Amino acid sequence: MNASPGRSAEGSWLATAGRPEIVRRSLRIAAVVGTTLVAINYTDRFLAGTLSSFDWIKMGLTYLVPYCVSTYAAVEAVRGVR
Protein backbone atom coordinates (compact mmCIF):
# COMPACT_ATOMS: atom_id res chain seq x y z
CA MET A 1 0.00 0.00 0.00
CA ASN A 2 1.41 3.40 -0.95
CA ALA A 3 1.36 6.06 1.71
CA SER A 4 1.22 9.75 0.95
CA PRO A 5 4.01 12.00 2.25
CA GLY A 6 3.76 12.45 6.01
CA ARG A 7 1.65 9.32 6.37
CA SER A 8 2.51 5.69 6.76
CA ALA A 9 0.39 2.66 6.09
CA GLU A 10 -0.05 2.33 9.88
CA GLY A 11 -1.41 5.84 10.43
CA SER A 12 -0.66 9.50 10.43
CA TRP A 13 1.93 11.35 12.43
CA LEU A 14 -0.82 12.86 14.60
CA ALA A 15 -2.36 9.43 15.23
CA THR A 16 1.02 8.21 16.46
CA ALA A 17 1.42 11.34 18.62
CA GLY A 18 -1.96 10.59 20.18
CA ARG A 19 -1.01 7.11 21.32
CA PRO A 20 -1.63 6.90 25.07
CA GLU A 21 1.89 5.78 25.95
CA ILE A 22 3.42 8.71 24.04
CA VAL A 23 1.00 11.22 25.58
CA ARG A 24 1.68 9.92 29.11
CA ARG A 25 5.45 10.00 28.64
CA SER A 26 5.37 13.49 27.15
CA LEU A 27 3.16 14.78 29.97
CA ARG A 28 5.55 13.38 32.58
CA ILE A 29 8.55 14.96 30.87
CA ALA A 30 6.73 18.28 30.45
CA ALA A 31 5.76 18.26 34.13
CA VAL A 32 9.34 17.72 35.31
CA VAL A 33 11.11 19.98 32.81
CA GLY A 34 8.41 22.66 32.84
CA THR A 35 8.28 22.83 36.64
CA THR A 36 12.06 23.07 36.81
CA LEU A 37 12.15 25.90 34.27
CA VAL A 38 9.25 27.77 35.90
CA ALA A 39 11.00 27.50 39.27
CA ILE A 40 14.25 28.83 37.81
CA ASN A 41 12.64 31.66 35.86
CA TYR A 42 9.71 32.83 38.00
CA THR A 43 10.31 32.01 41.69
CA ASP A 44 11.48 35.54 42.48
CA ARG A 45 8.39 37.17 40.93
CA PHE A 46 6.10 34.56 42.48
CA LEU A 47 7.47 35.16 45.97
CA ALA A 48 7.35 38.95 45.49
CA GLY A 49 3.78 38.73 44.22
CA THR A 50 4.64 40.56 41.01
CA LEU A 51 3.54 38.03 38.40
CA SER A 52 1.70 39.63 35.51
CA SER A 53 -0.92 38.06 33.26
CA PHE A 54 1.73 37.77 30.58
CA ASP A 55 3.98 35.85 33.00
CA TRP A 56 1.20 33.26 33.48
CA ILE A 57 0.93 32.84 29.70
CA LYS A 58 4.69 32.41 29.44
CA MET A 59 4.60 29.81 32.22
CA GLY A 60 2.02 27.84 30.27
CA LEU A 61 4.25 27.94 27.22
CA THR A 62 7.14 26.79 29.40
CA TYR A 63 5.24 23.52 29.87
CA LEU A 64 4.07 23.32 26.26
CA VAL A 65 7.55 23.42 24.72
CA PRO A 66 8.98 20.30 26.45
CA TYR A 67 5.70 18.47 25.75
CA CYS A 68 6.00 19.22 22.03
CA VAL A 69 9.69 18.34 21.88
CA SER A 70 9.15 15.07 23.75
CA THR A 71 6.19 14.13 21.58
CA TYR A 72 8.08 14.90 18.38
CA ALA A 73 11.08 12.82 19.47
CA ALA A 74 8.90 9.89 20.54
CA VAL A 75 6.86 9.87 17.33
CA GLU A 76 9.95 10.07 15.13
CA ALA A 77 11.57 7.25 17.11
CA VAL A 78 8.49 5.04 16.78
CA ARG A 79 8.03 5.78 13.10
CA GLY A 80 11.74 5.28 12.40
CA VAL A 81 11.61 1.77 13.85
CA ARG A 82 8.91 0.63 11.43
PDB file of N, CA and C in Angstrom:
ATOM      1  N   MET A   1       0.837  -1.171   0.000  1.00  0.00           N
ATOM      2  CA  MET A   1       0.000   0.000   0.000  1.00  0.00           C
ATOM      3  C   MET A   1       0.884   1.237   0.000  1.00  0.00           C
ATOM      4  N   ASN A   2       0.636   2.169  -0.891  1.00  0.00           N
ATOM      5  CA  ASN A   2       1.406   3.403  -0.952  1.00  0.00           C
ATOM      6  C   ASN A   2       0.859   4.402   0.046  1.00  0.00           C
ATOM      7  N   ALA A   3       1.756   5.035   0.752  1.00  0.00           N
ATOM      8  CA  ALA A   3       1.355   6.061   1.710  1.00  0.00           C
ATOM      9  C   ALA A   3       1.747   7.423   1.164  1.00  0.00           C
ATOM     10  N   SER A   4       0.908   8.395   1.392  1.00  0.00           N
ATOM     11  CA  SER A   4       1.223   9.746   0.947  1.00  0.00           C
ATOM     12  C   SER A   4       2.293  10.323   1.859  1.00  0.00           C
ATOM     13  N   PRO A   5       2.979  11.395   1.400  1.00  0.00           N
ATOM     14  CA  PRO A   5       4.011  11.997   2.250  1.00  0.00           C
ATOM     15  C   PRO A   5       3.436  12.400   3.604  1.00  0.00           C
ATOM     16  N   GLY A   6       4.204  12.119   4.660  1.00  0.00           N
ATOM     17  CA  GLY A   6       3.761  12.454   6.006  1.00  0.00           C
ATOM     18  C   GLY A   6       2.851  11.408   6.622  1.00  0.00           C
ATOM     19  N   ARG A   7       2.525  10.379   5.866  1.00  0.00           N
ATOM     20  CA  ARG A   7       1.650   9.319   6.373  1.00  0.00           C
ATOM     21  C   ARG A   7       2.317   7.972   6.124  1.00  0.00           C
ATOM     22  N   SER A   8       2.045   7.049   6.984  1.00  0.00           N
ATOM     23  CA  SER A   8       2.506   5.687   6.763  1.00  0.00           C
ATOM     24  C   SER A   8       1.275   4.813   6.620  1.00  0.00           C
ATOM     25  N   ALA A   9       1.504   3.587   6.224  1.00  0.00           N
ATOM     26  CA  ALA A   9       0.387   2.659   6.094  1.00  0.00           C
ATOM     27  C   ALA A   9      -0.277   2.425   7.450  1.00  0.00           C
ATOM     28  N   GLU A  10       0.483   2.584   8.544  1.00  0.00           N
ATOM     29  CA  GLU A  10      -0.049   2.329   9.881  1.00  0.00           C
ATOM     30  C   GLU A  10      -0.801   3.518  10.470  1.00  0.00           C
ATOM     31  N   GLY A  11      -0.689   4.683   9.900  1.00  0.00           N
ATOM     32  CA  GLY A  11      -1.407   5.839  10.432  1.00  0.00           C
ATOM     33  C   GLY A  11      -0.617   7.121  10.300  1.00  0.00           C
ATOM     34  N   SER A  12      -1.280   8.190  10.575  1.00  0.00           N
ATOM     35  CA  SER A  12      -0.664   9.502  10.426  1.00  0.00           C
ATOM     36  C   SER A  12       0.270   9.824  11.591  1.00  0.00           C
ATOM     37  N   TRP A  13       1.034  10.871  11.390  1.00  0.00           N
ATOM     38  CA  TRP A  13       1.931  11.353  12.430  1.00  0.00           C
ATOM     39  C   TRP A  13       1.125  11.729  13.667  1.00  0.00           C
ATOM     40  N   LEU A  14       0.017  12.438  13.468  1.00  0.00           N
ATOM     41  CA  LEU A  14      -0.821  12.857  14.600  1.00  0.00           C
ATOM     42  C   LEU A  14      -1.444  11.670  15.329  1.00  0.00           C
ATOM     43  N   ALA A  15      -1.807  10.629  14.580  1.00  0.00           N
ATOM     44  CA  ALA A  15      -2.355   9.434  15.230  1.00  0.00           C
ATOM     45  C   ALA A  15      -1.299   8.790  16.124  1.00  0.00           C
ATOM     46  N   THR A  16      -0.067   8.755  15.646  1.00  0.00           N
ATOM     47  CA  THR A  16       1.022   8.210  16.456  1.00  0.00           C
ATOM     48  C   THR A  16       1.255   9.088  17.682  1.00  0.00           C
ATOM     49  N   ALA A  17       1.219  10.405  17.496  1.00  0.00           N
ATOM     50  CA  ALA A  17       1.420  11.335  18.618  1.00  0.00           C
ATOM     51  C   ALA A  17       0.321  11.205  19.662  1.00  0.00           C
ATOM     52  N   GLY A  18      -0.847  10.744  19.256  1.00  0.00           N
ATOM     53  CA  GLY A  18      -1.963  10.594  20.180  1.00  0.00           C
ATOM     54  C   GLY A  18      -2.003   9.264  20.904  1.00  0.00           C
ATOM     55  N   ARG A  19      -1.030   8.395  20.616  1.00  0.00           N
ATOM     56  CA  ARG A  19      -1.007   7.109  21.316  1.00  0.00           C
ATOM     57  C   ARG A  19      -0.855   7.342  22.814  1.00  0.00           C
ATOM     58  N   PRO A  20      -1.637   6.644  23.624  1.00  0.00           N
ATOM     59  CA  PRO A  20      -1.635   6.905  25.074  1.00  0.00           C
ATOM     60  C   PRO A  20      -0.256   6.834  25.723  1.00  0.00           C
ATOM     61  N   GLU A  21       0.573   5.897  25.313  1.00  0.00           N
ATOM     62  CA  GLU A  21       1.890   5.782  25.946  1.00  0.00           C
ATOM     63  C   GLU A  21       2.778   6.981  25.609  1.00  0.00           C
ATOM     64  N   ILE A  22       2.637   7.528  24.421  1.00  0.00           N
ATOM     65  CA  ILE A  22       3.417   8.709  24.041  1.00  0.00           C
ATOM     66  C   ILE A  22       2.899   9.936  24.781  1.00  0.00           C
ATOM     67  N   VAL A  23       1.584  10.077  24.862  1.00  0.00           N
ATOM     68  CA  VAL A  23       0.999  11.219  25.575  1.00  0.00           C
ATOM     69  C   VAL A  23       1.405  11.191  27.047  1.00  0.00           C
ATOM     70  N   ARG A  24       1.312  10.032  27.688  1.00  0.00           N
ATOM     71  CA  ARG A  24       1.677   9.925  29.111  1.00  0.00           C
ATOM     72  C   ARG A  24       3.147  10.276  29.330  1.00  0.00           C
ATOM     73  N   ARG A  25       4.020   9.731  28.492  1.00  0.00           N
ATOM     74  CA  ARG A  25       5.453   9.997  28.640  1.00  0.00           C
ATOM     75  C   ARG A  25       5.739  11.485  28.435  1.00  0.00           C
ATOM     76  N   SER A  26       5.143  12.069  27.422  1.00  0.00           N
ATOM     77  CA  SER A  26       5.368  13.493  27.146  1.00  0.00           C
ATOM     78  C   SER A  26       4.838  14.373  28.270  1.00  0.00           C
ATOM     79  N   LEU A  27       3.702  14.007  28.841  1.00  0.00           N
ATOM     80  CA  LEU A  27       3.159  14.776  29.967  1.00  0.00           C
ATOM     81  C   LEU A  27       4.078  14.703  31.186  1.00  0.00           C
ATOM     82  N   ARG A  28       4.623  13.515  31.453  1.00  0.00           N
ATOM     83  CA  ARG A  28       5.554  13.376  32.584  1.00  0.00           C
ATOM     84  C   ARG A  28       6.798  14.232  32.371  1.00  0.00           C
ATOM     85  N   ILE A  29       7.349  14.173  31.170  1.00  0.00           N
ATOM     86  CA  ILE A  29       8.548  14.959  30.872  1.00  0.00           C
ATOM     87  C   ILE A  29       8.243  16.445  30.962  1.00  0.00           C
ATOM     88  N   ALA A  30       7.109  16.865  30.403  1.00  0.00           N
ATOM     89  CA  ALA A  30       6.734  18.283  30.453  1.00  0.00           C
ATOM     90  C   ALA A  30       6.534  18.747  31.889  1.00  0.00           C
ATOM     91  N   ALA A  31       5.975  17.888  32.732  1.00  0.00           N
ATOM     92  CA  ALA A  31       5.761  18.261  34.133  1.00  0.00           C
ATOM     93  C   ALA A  31       7.088  18.491  34.849  1.00  0.00           C
ATOM     94  N   VAL A  32       8.039  17.598  34.638  1.00  0.00           N
ATOM     95  CA  VAL A  32       9.336  17.720  35.314  1.00  0.00           C
ATOM     96  C   VAL A  32      10.133  18.892  34.751  1.00  0.00           C
ATOM     97  N   VAL A  33      10.298  18.926  33.438  1.00  0.00           N
ATOM     98  CA  VAL A  33      11.106  19.977  32.812  1.00  0.00           C
ATOM     99  C   VAL A  33      10.432  21.339  32.973  1.00  0.00           C
ATOM    100  N   GLY A  34       9.129  21.397  32.723  1.00  0.00           N
ATOM    101  CA  GLY A  34       8.410  22.663  32.844  1.00  0.00           C
ATOM    102  C   GLY A  34       8.460  23.227  34.248  1.00  0.00           C
ATOM    103  N   THR A  35       8.242  22.371  35.247  1.00  0.00           N
ATOM    104  CA  THR A  35       8.284  22.828  36.638  1.00  0.00           C
ATOM    105  C   THR A  35       9.672  23.331  37.002  1.00  0.00           C
ATOM    106  N   THR A  36      10.689  22.632  36.550  1.00  0.00           N
ATOM    107  CA  THR A  36      12.063  23.073  36.810  1.00  0.00           C
ATOM    108  C   THR A  36      12.318  24.444  36.191  1.00  0.00           C
ATOM    109  N   LEU A  37      11.924  24.616  34.942  1.00  0.00           N
ATOM    110  CA  LEU A  37      12.149  25.898  34.266  1.00  0.00           C
ATOM    111  C   LEU A  37      11.325  27.027  34.880  1.00  0.00           C
ATOM    112  N   VAL A  38      10.080  26.740  35.245  1.00  0.00           N
ATOM    113  CA  VAL A  38       9.254  27.767  35.899  1.00  0.00           C
ATOM    114  C   VAL A  38       9.883  28.165  37.230  1.00  0.00           C
ATOM    115  N   ALA A  39      10.362  27.189  37.986  1.00  0.00           N
ATOM    116  CA  ALA A  39      10.998  27.500  39.270  1.00  0.00           C
ATOM    117  C   ALA A  39      12.238  28.371  39.072  1.00  0.00           C
ATOM    118  N   ILE A  40      13.035  28.046  38.071  1.00  0.00           N
ATOM    119  CA  ILE A  40      14.246  28.827  37.806  1.00  0.00           C
ATOM    120  C   ILE A  40      13.896  30.250  37.371  1.00  0.00           C
ATOM    121  N   ASN A  41      12.913  30.373  36.498  1.00  0.00           N
ATOM    122  CA  ASN A  41      12.644  31.664  35.865  1.00  0.00           C
ATOM    123  C   ASN A  41      11.660  32.567  36.603  1.00  0.00           C
ATOM    124  N   TYR A  42      10.788  32.008  37.443  1.00  0.00           N
ATOM    125  CA  TYR A  42       9.707  32.828  38.000  1.00  0.00           C
ATOM    126  C   TYR A  42       9.588  32.812  39.519  1.00  0.00           C
ATOM    127  N   THR A  43      10.427  32.084  40.228  1.00  0.00           N
ATOM    128  CA  THR A  43      10.305  32.010  41.687  1.00  0.00           C
ATOM    129  C   THR A  43      10.396  33.385  42.332  1.00  0.00           C
ATOM    130  N   ASP A  44      11.315  34.218  41.871  1.00  0.00           N
ATOM    131  CA  ASP A  44      11.476  35.541  42.480  1.00  0.00           C
ATOM    132  C   ASP A  44      10.216  36.392  42.332  1.00  0.00           C
ATOM    133  N   ARG A  45       9.614  36.375  41.149  1.00  0.00           N
ATOM    134  CA  ARG A  45       8.395  37.166  40.932  1.00  0.00           C
ATOM    135  C   ARG A  45       7.206  36.562  41.672  1.00  0.00           C
ATOM    136  N   PHE A  46       7.181  35.227  41.747  1.00  0.00           N
ATOM    137  CA  PHE A  46       6.097  34.561  42.475  1.00  0.00           C
ATOM    138  C   PHE A  46       6.144  34.930  43.958  1.00  0.00           C
ATOM    139  N   LEU A  47       7.322  34.846  44.547  1.00  0.00           N
ATOM    140  CA  LEU A  47       7.471  35.161  45.971  1.00  0.00           C
ATOM    141  C   LEU A  47       7.230  36.639  46.261  1.00  0.00           C
ATOM    142  N   ALA A  48       7.571  37.507  45.316  1.00  0.00           N
ATOM    143  CA  ALA A  48       7.354  38.947  45.493  1.00  0.00           C
ATOM    144  C   ALA A  48       5.916  39.350  45.173  1.00  0.00           C
ATOM    145  N   GLY A  49       5.157  38.429  44.585  1.00  0.00           N
ATOM    146  CA  GLY A  49       3.777  38.734  44.224  1.00  0.00           C
ATOM    147  C   GLY A  49       3.656  39.672  43.040  1.00  0.00           C
ATOM    148  N   THR A  50       4.633  39.628  42.140  1.00  0.00           N
ATOM    149  CA  THR A  50       4.640  40.561  41.010  1.00  0.00           C
ATOM    150  C   THR A  50       4.416  39.880  39.664  1.00  0.00           C
ATOM    151  N   LEU A  51       3.810  38.710  39.673  1.00  0.00           N
ATOM    152  CA  LEU A  51       3.539  38.026  38.405  1.00  0.00           C
ATOM    153  C   LEU A  51       2.446  38.761  37.639  1.00  0.00           C
ATOM    154  N   SER A  52       2.701  38.987  36.367  1.00  0.00           N
ATOM    155  CA  SER A  52       1.701  39.633  35.511  1.00  0.00           C
ATOM    156  C   SER A  52       0.906  38.565  34.762  1.00  0.00           C
ATOM    157  N   SER A  53      -0.141  38.984  34.098  1.00  0.00           N
ATOM    158  CA  SER A  53      -0.924  38.055  33.265  1.00  0.00           C
ATOM    159  C   SER A  53      -0.046  37.448  32.189  1.00  0.00           C
ATOM    160  N   PHE A  54       0.831  38.251  31.630  1.00  0.00           N
ATOM    161  CA  PHE A  54       1.728  37.770  30.583  1.00  0.00           C
ATOM    162  C   PHE A  54       2.679  36.705  31.128  1.00  0.00           C
ATOM    163  N   ASP A  55       3.114  36.863  32.377  1.00  0.00           N
ATOM    164  CA  ASP A  55       3.975  35.845  32.999  1.00  0.00           C
ATOM    165  C   ASP A  55       3.260  34.500  33.076  1.00  0.00           C
ATOM    166  N   TRP A  56       1.966  34.512  33.407  1.00  0.00           N
ATOM    167  CA  TRP A  56       1.203  33.264  33.485  1.00  0.00           C
ATOM    168  C   TRP A  56       1.116  32.597  32.116  1.00  0.00           C
ATOM    169  N   ILE A  57       0.959  33.385  31.069  1.00  0.00           N
ATOM    170  CA  ILE A  57       0.934  32.836  29.704  1.00  0.00           C
ATOM    171  C   ILE A  57       2.285  32.218  29.375  1.00  0.00           C
ATOM    172  N   LYS A  58       3.353  32.930  29.708  1.00  0.00           N
ATOM    173  CA  LYS A  58       4.693  32.407  29.438  1.00  0.00           C
ATOM    174  C   LYS A  58       4.964  31.125  30.225  1.00  0.00           C
ATOM    175  N   MET A  59       4.431  31.038  31.444  1.00  0.00           N
ATOM    176  CA  MET A  59       4.604  29.810  32.223  1.00  0.00           C
ATOM    177  C   MET A  59       3.895  28.640  31.550  1.00  0.00           C
ATOM    178  N   GLY A  60       2.722  28.888  31.015  1.00  0.00           N
ATOM    179  CA  GLY A  60       2.025  27.837  30.272  1.00  0.00           C
ATOM    180  C   GLY A  60       2.830  27.365  29.079  1.00  0.00           C
ATOM    181  N   LEU A  61       3.414  28.306  28.361  1.00  0.00           N
ATOM    182  CA  LEU A  61       4.253  27.941  27.216  1.00  0.00           C
ATOM    183  C   LEU A  61       5.502  27.191  27.658  1.00  0.00           C
ATOM    184  N   THR A  62       5.969  27.489  28.860  1.00  0.00           N
ATOM    185  CA  THR A  62       7.137  26.793  29.397  1.00  0.00           C
ATOM    186  C   THR A  62       6.859  25.298  29.544  1.00  0.00           C
ATOM    187  N   TYR A  63       5.622  24.934  29.810  1.00  0.00           N
ATOM    188  CA  TYR A  63       5.242  23.520  29.872  1.00  0.00           C
ATOM    189  C   TYR A  63       4.965  22.961  28.478  1.00  0.00           C
ATOM    190  N   LEU A  64       4.440  23.775  27.593  1.00  0.00           N
ATOM    191  CA  LEU A  64       4.071  23.315  26.258  1.00  0.00           C
ATOM    192  C   LEU A  64       5.291  22.922  25.429  1.00  0.00           C
ATOM    193  N   VAL A  65       6.362  23.682  25.538  1.00  0.00           N
ATOM    194  CA  VAL A  65       7.547  23.416  24.716  1.00  0.00           C
ATOM    195  C   VAL A  65       8.141  22.033  24.994  1.00  0.00           C
ATOM    196  N   PRO A  66       8.431  21.652  26.248  1.00  0.00           N
ATOM    197  CA  PRO A  66       8.981  20.303  26.447  1.00  0.00           C
ATOM    198  C   PRO A  66       7.996  19.200  26.062  1.00  0.00           C
ATOM    199  N   TYR A  67       6.691  19.459  26.196  1.00  0.00           N
ATOM    200  CA  TYR A  67       5.703  18.469  25.754  1.00  0.00           C
ATOM    201  C   TYR A  67       5.828  18.252  24.248  1.00  0.00           C
ATOM    202  N   CYS A  68       5.897  19.326  23.496  1.00  0.00           N
ATOM    203  CA  CYS A  68       5.996  19.215  22.033  1.00  0.00           C
ATOM    204  C   CYS A  68       7.299  18.549  21.608  1.00  0.00           C
ATOM    205  N   VAL A  69       8.396  18.929  22.232  1.00  0.00           N
ATOM    206  CA  VAL A  69       9.692  18.339  21.884  1.00  0.00           C
ATOM    207  C   VAL A  69       9.702  16.848  22.202  1.00  0.00           C
ATOM    208  N   SER A  70       9.200  16.479  23.358  1.00  0.00           N
ATOM    209  CA  SER A  70       9.155  15.074  23.752  1.00  0.00           C
ATOM    210  C   SER A  70       8.256  14.263  22.822  1.00  0.00           C
ATOM    211  N   THR A  71       7.107  14.821  22.486  1.00  0.00           N
ATOM    212  CA  THR A  71       6.186  14.133  21.579  1.00  0.00           C
ATOM    213  C   THR A  71       6.822  13.945  20.215  1.00  0.00           C
ATOM    214  N   TYR A  72       7.431  14.990  19.692  1.00  0.00           N
ATOM    215  CA  TYR A  72       8.082  14.905  18.383  1.00  0.00           C
ATOM    216  C   TYR A  72       9.156  13.813  18.386  1.00  0.00           C
ATOM    217  N   ALA A  73      10.006  13.819  19.403  1.00  0.00           N
ATOM    218  CA  ALA A  73      11.079  12.822  19.474  1.00  0.00           C
ATOM    219  C   ALA A  73      10.523  11.407  19.570  1.00  0.00           C
ATOM    220  N   ALA A  74       9.490  11.218  20.373  1.00  0.00           N
ATOM    221  CA  ALA A  74       8.902   9.886  20.537  1.00  0.00           C
ATOM    222  C   ALA A  74       8.260   9.398  19.246  1.00  0.00           C
ATOM    223  N   VAL A  75       7.523  10.269  18.576  1.00  0.00           N
ATOM    224  CA  VAL A  75       6.862   9.871  17.326  1.00  0.00           C
ATOM    225  C   VAL A  75       7.897   9.529  16.269  1.00  0.00           C
ATOM    226  N   GLU A  76       8.913  10.350  16.133  1.00  0.00           N
ATOM    227  CA  GLU A  76       9.946  10.072  15.133  1.00  0.00           C
ATOM    228  C   GLU A  76      10.686   8.777  15.455  1.00  0.00           C
ATOM    229  N   ALA A  77      10.913   8.502  16.731  1.00  0.00           N
ATOM    230  CA  ALA A  77      11.571   7.250  17.113  1.00  0.00           C
ATOM    231  C   ALA A  77      10.694   6.054  16.765  1.00  0.00           C
ATOM    232  N   VAL A  78       9.411   6.140  17.068  1.00  0.00           N
ATOM    233  CA  VAL A  78       8.489   5.036  16.776  1.00  0.00           C
ATOM    234  C   VAL A  78       8.374   4.826  15.274  1.00  0.00           C
ATOM    235  N   ARG A  79       8.215   5.893  14.539  1.00  0.00           N
ATOM    236  CA  ARG A  79       8.034   5.775  13.095  1.00  0.00           C
ATOM    237  C   ARG A  79       9.328   5.358  12.401  1.00  0.00           C
ATOM    238  N   GLY A  80      10.473   5.686  12.983  1.00  0.00           N
ATOM    239  CA  GLY A  80      11.745   5.282  12.401  1.00  0.00           C
ATOM    240  C   GLY A  80      12.023   3.803  12.570  1.00  0.00           C
ATOM    241  N   VAL A  81      11.412   3.189  13.570  1.00  0.00           N
ATOM    242  CA  VAL A  81      11.606   1.768  13.851  1.00  0.00           C
ATOM    243  C   VAL A  81      10.857   0.912  12.844  1.00  0.00           C
ATOM    244  N   ARG A  82       9.770   1.414  12.326  1.00  0.00           N
ATOM    245  CA  ARG A  82       8.914   0.629  11.425  1.00  0.00           C
ATOM    246  C   ARG A  82       9.575   0.294  10.132  1.00  0.00           C
TER     247      ARG A  82
END
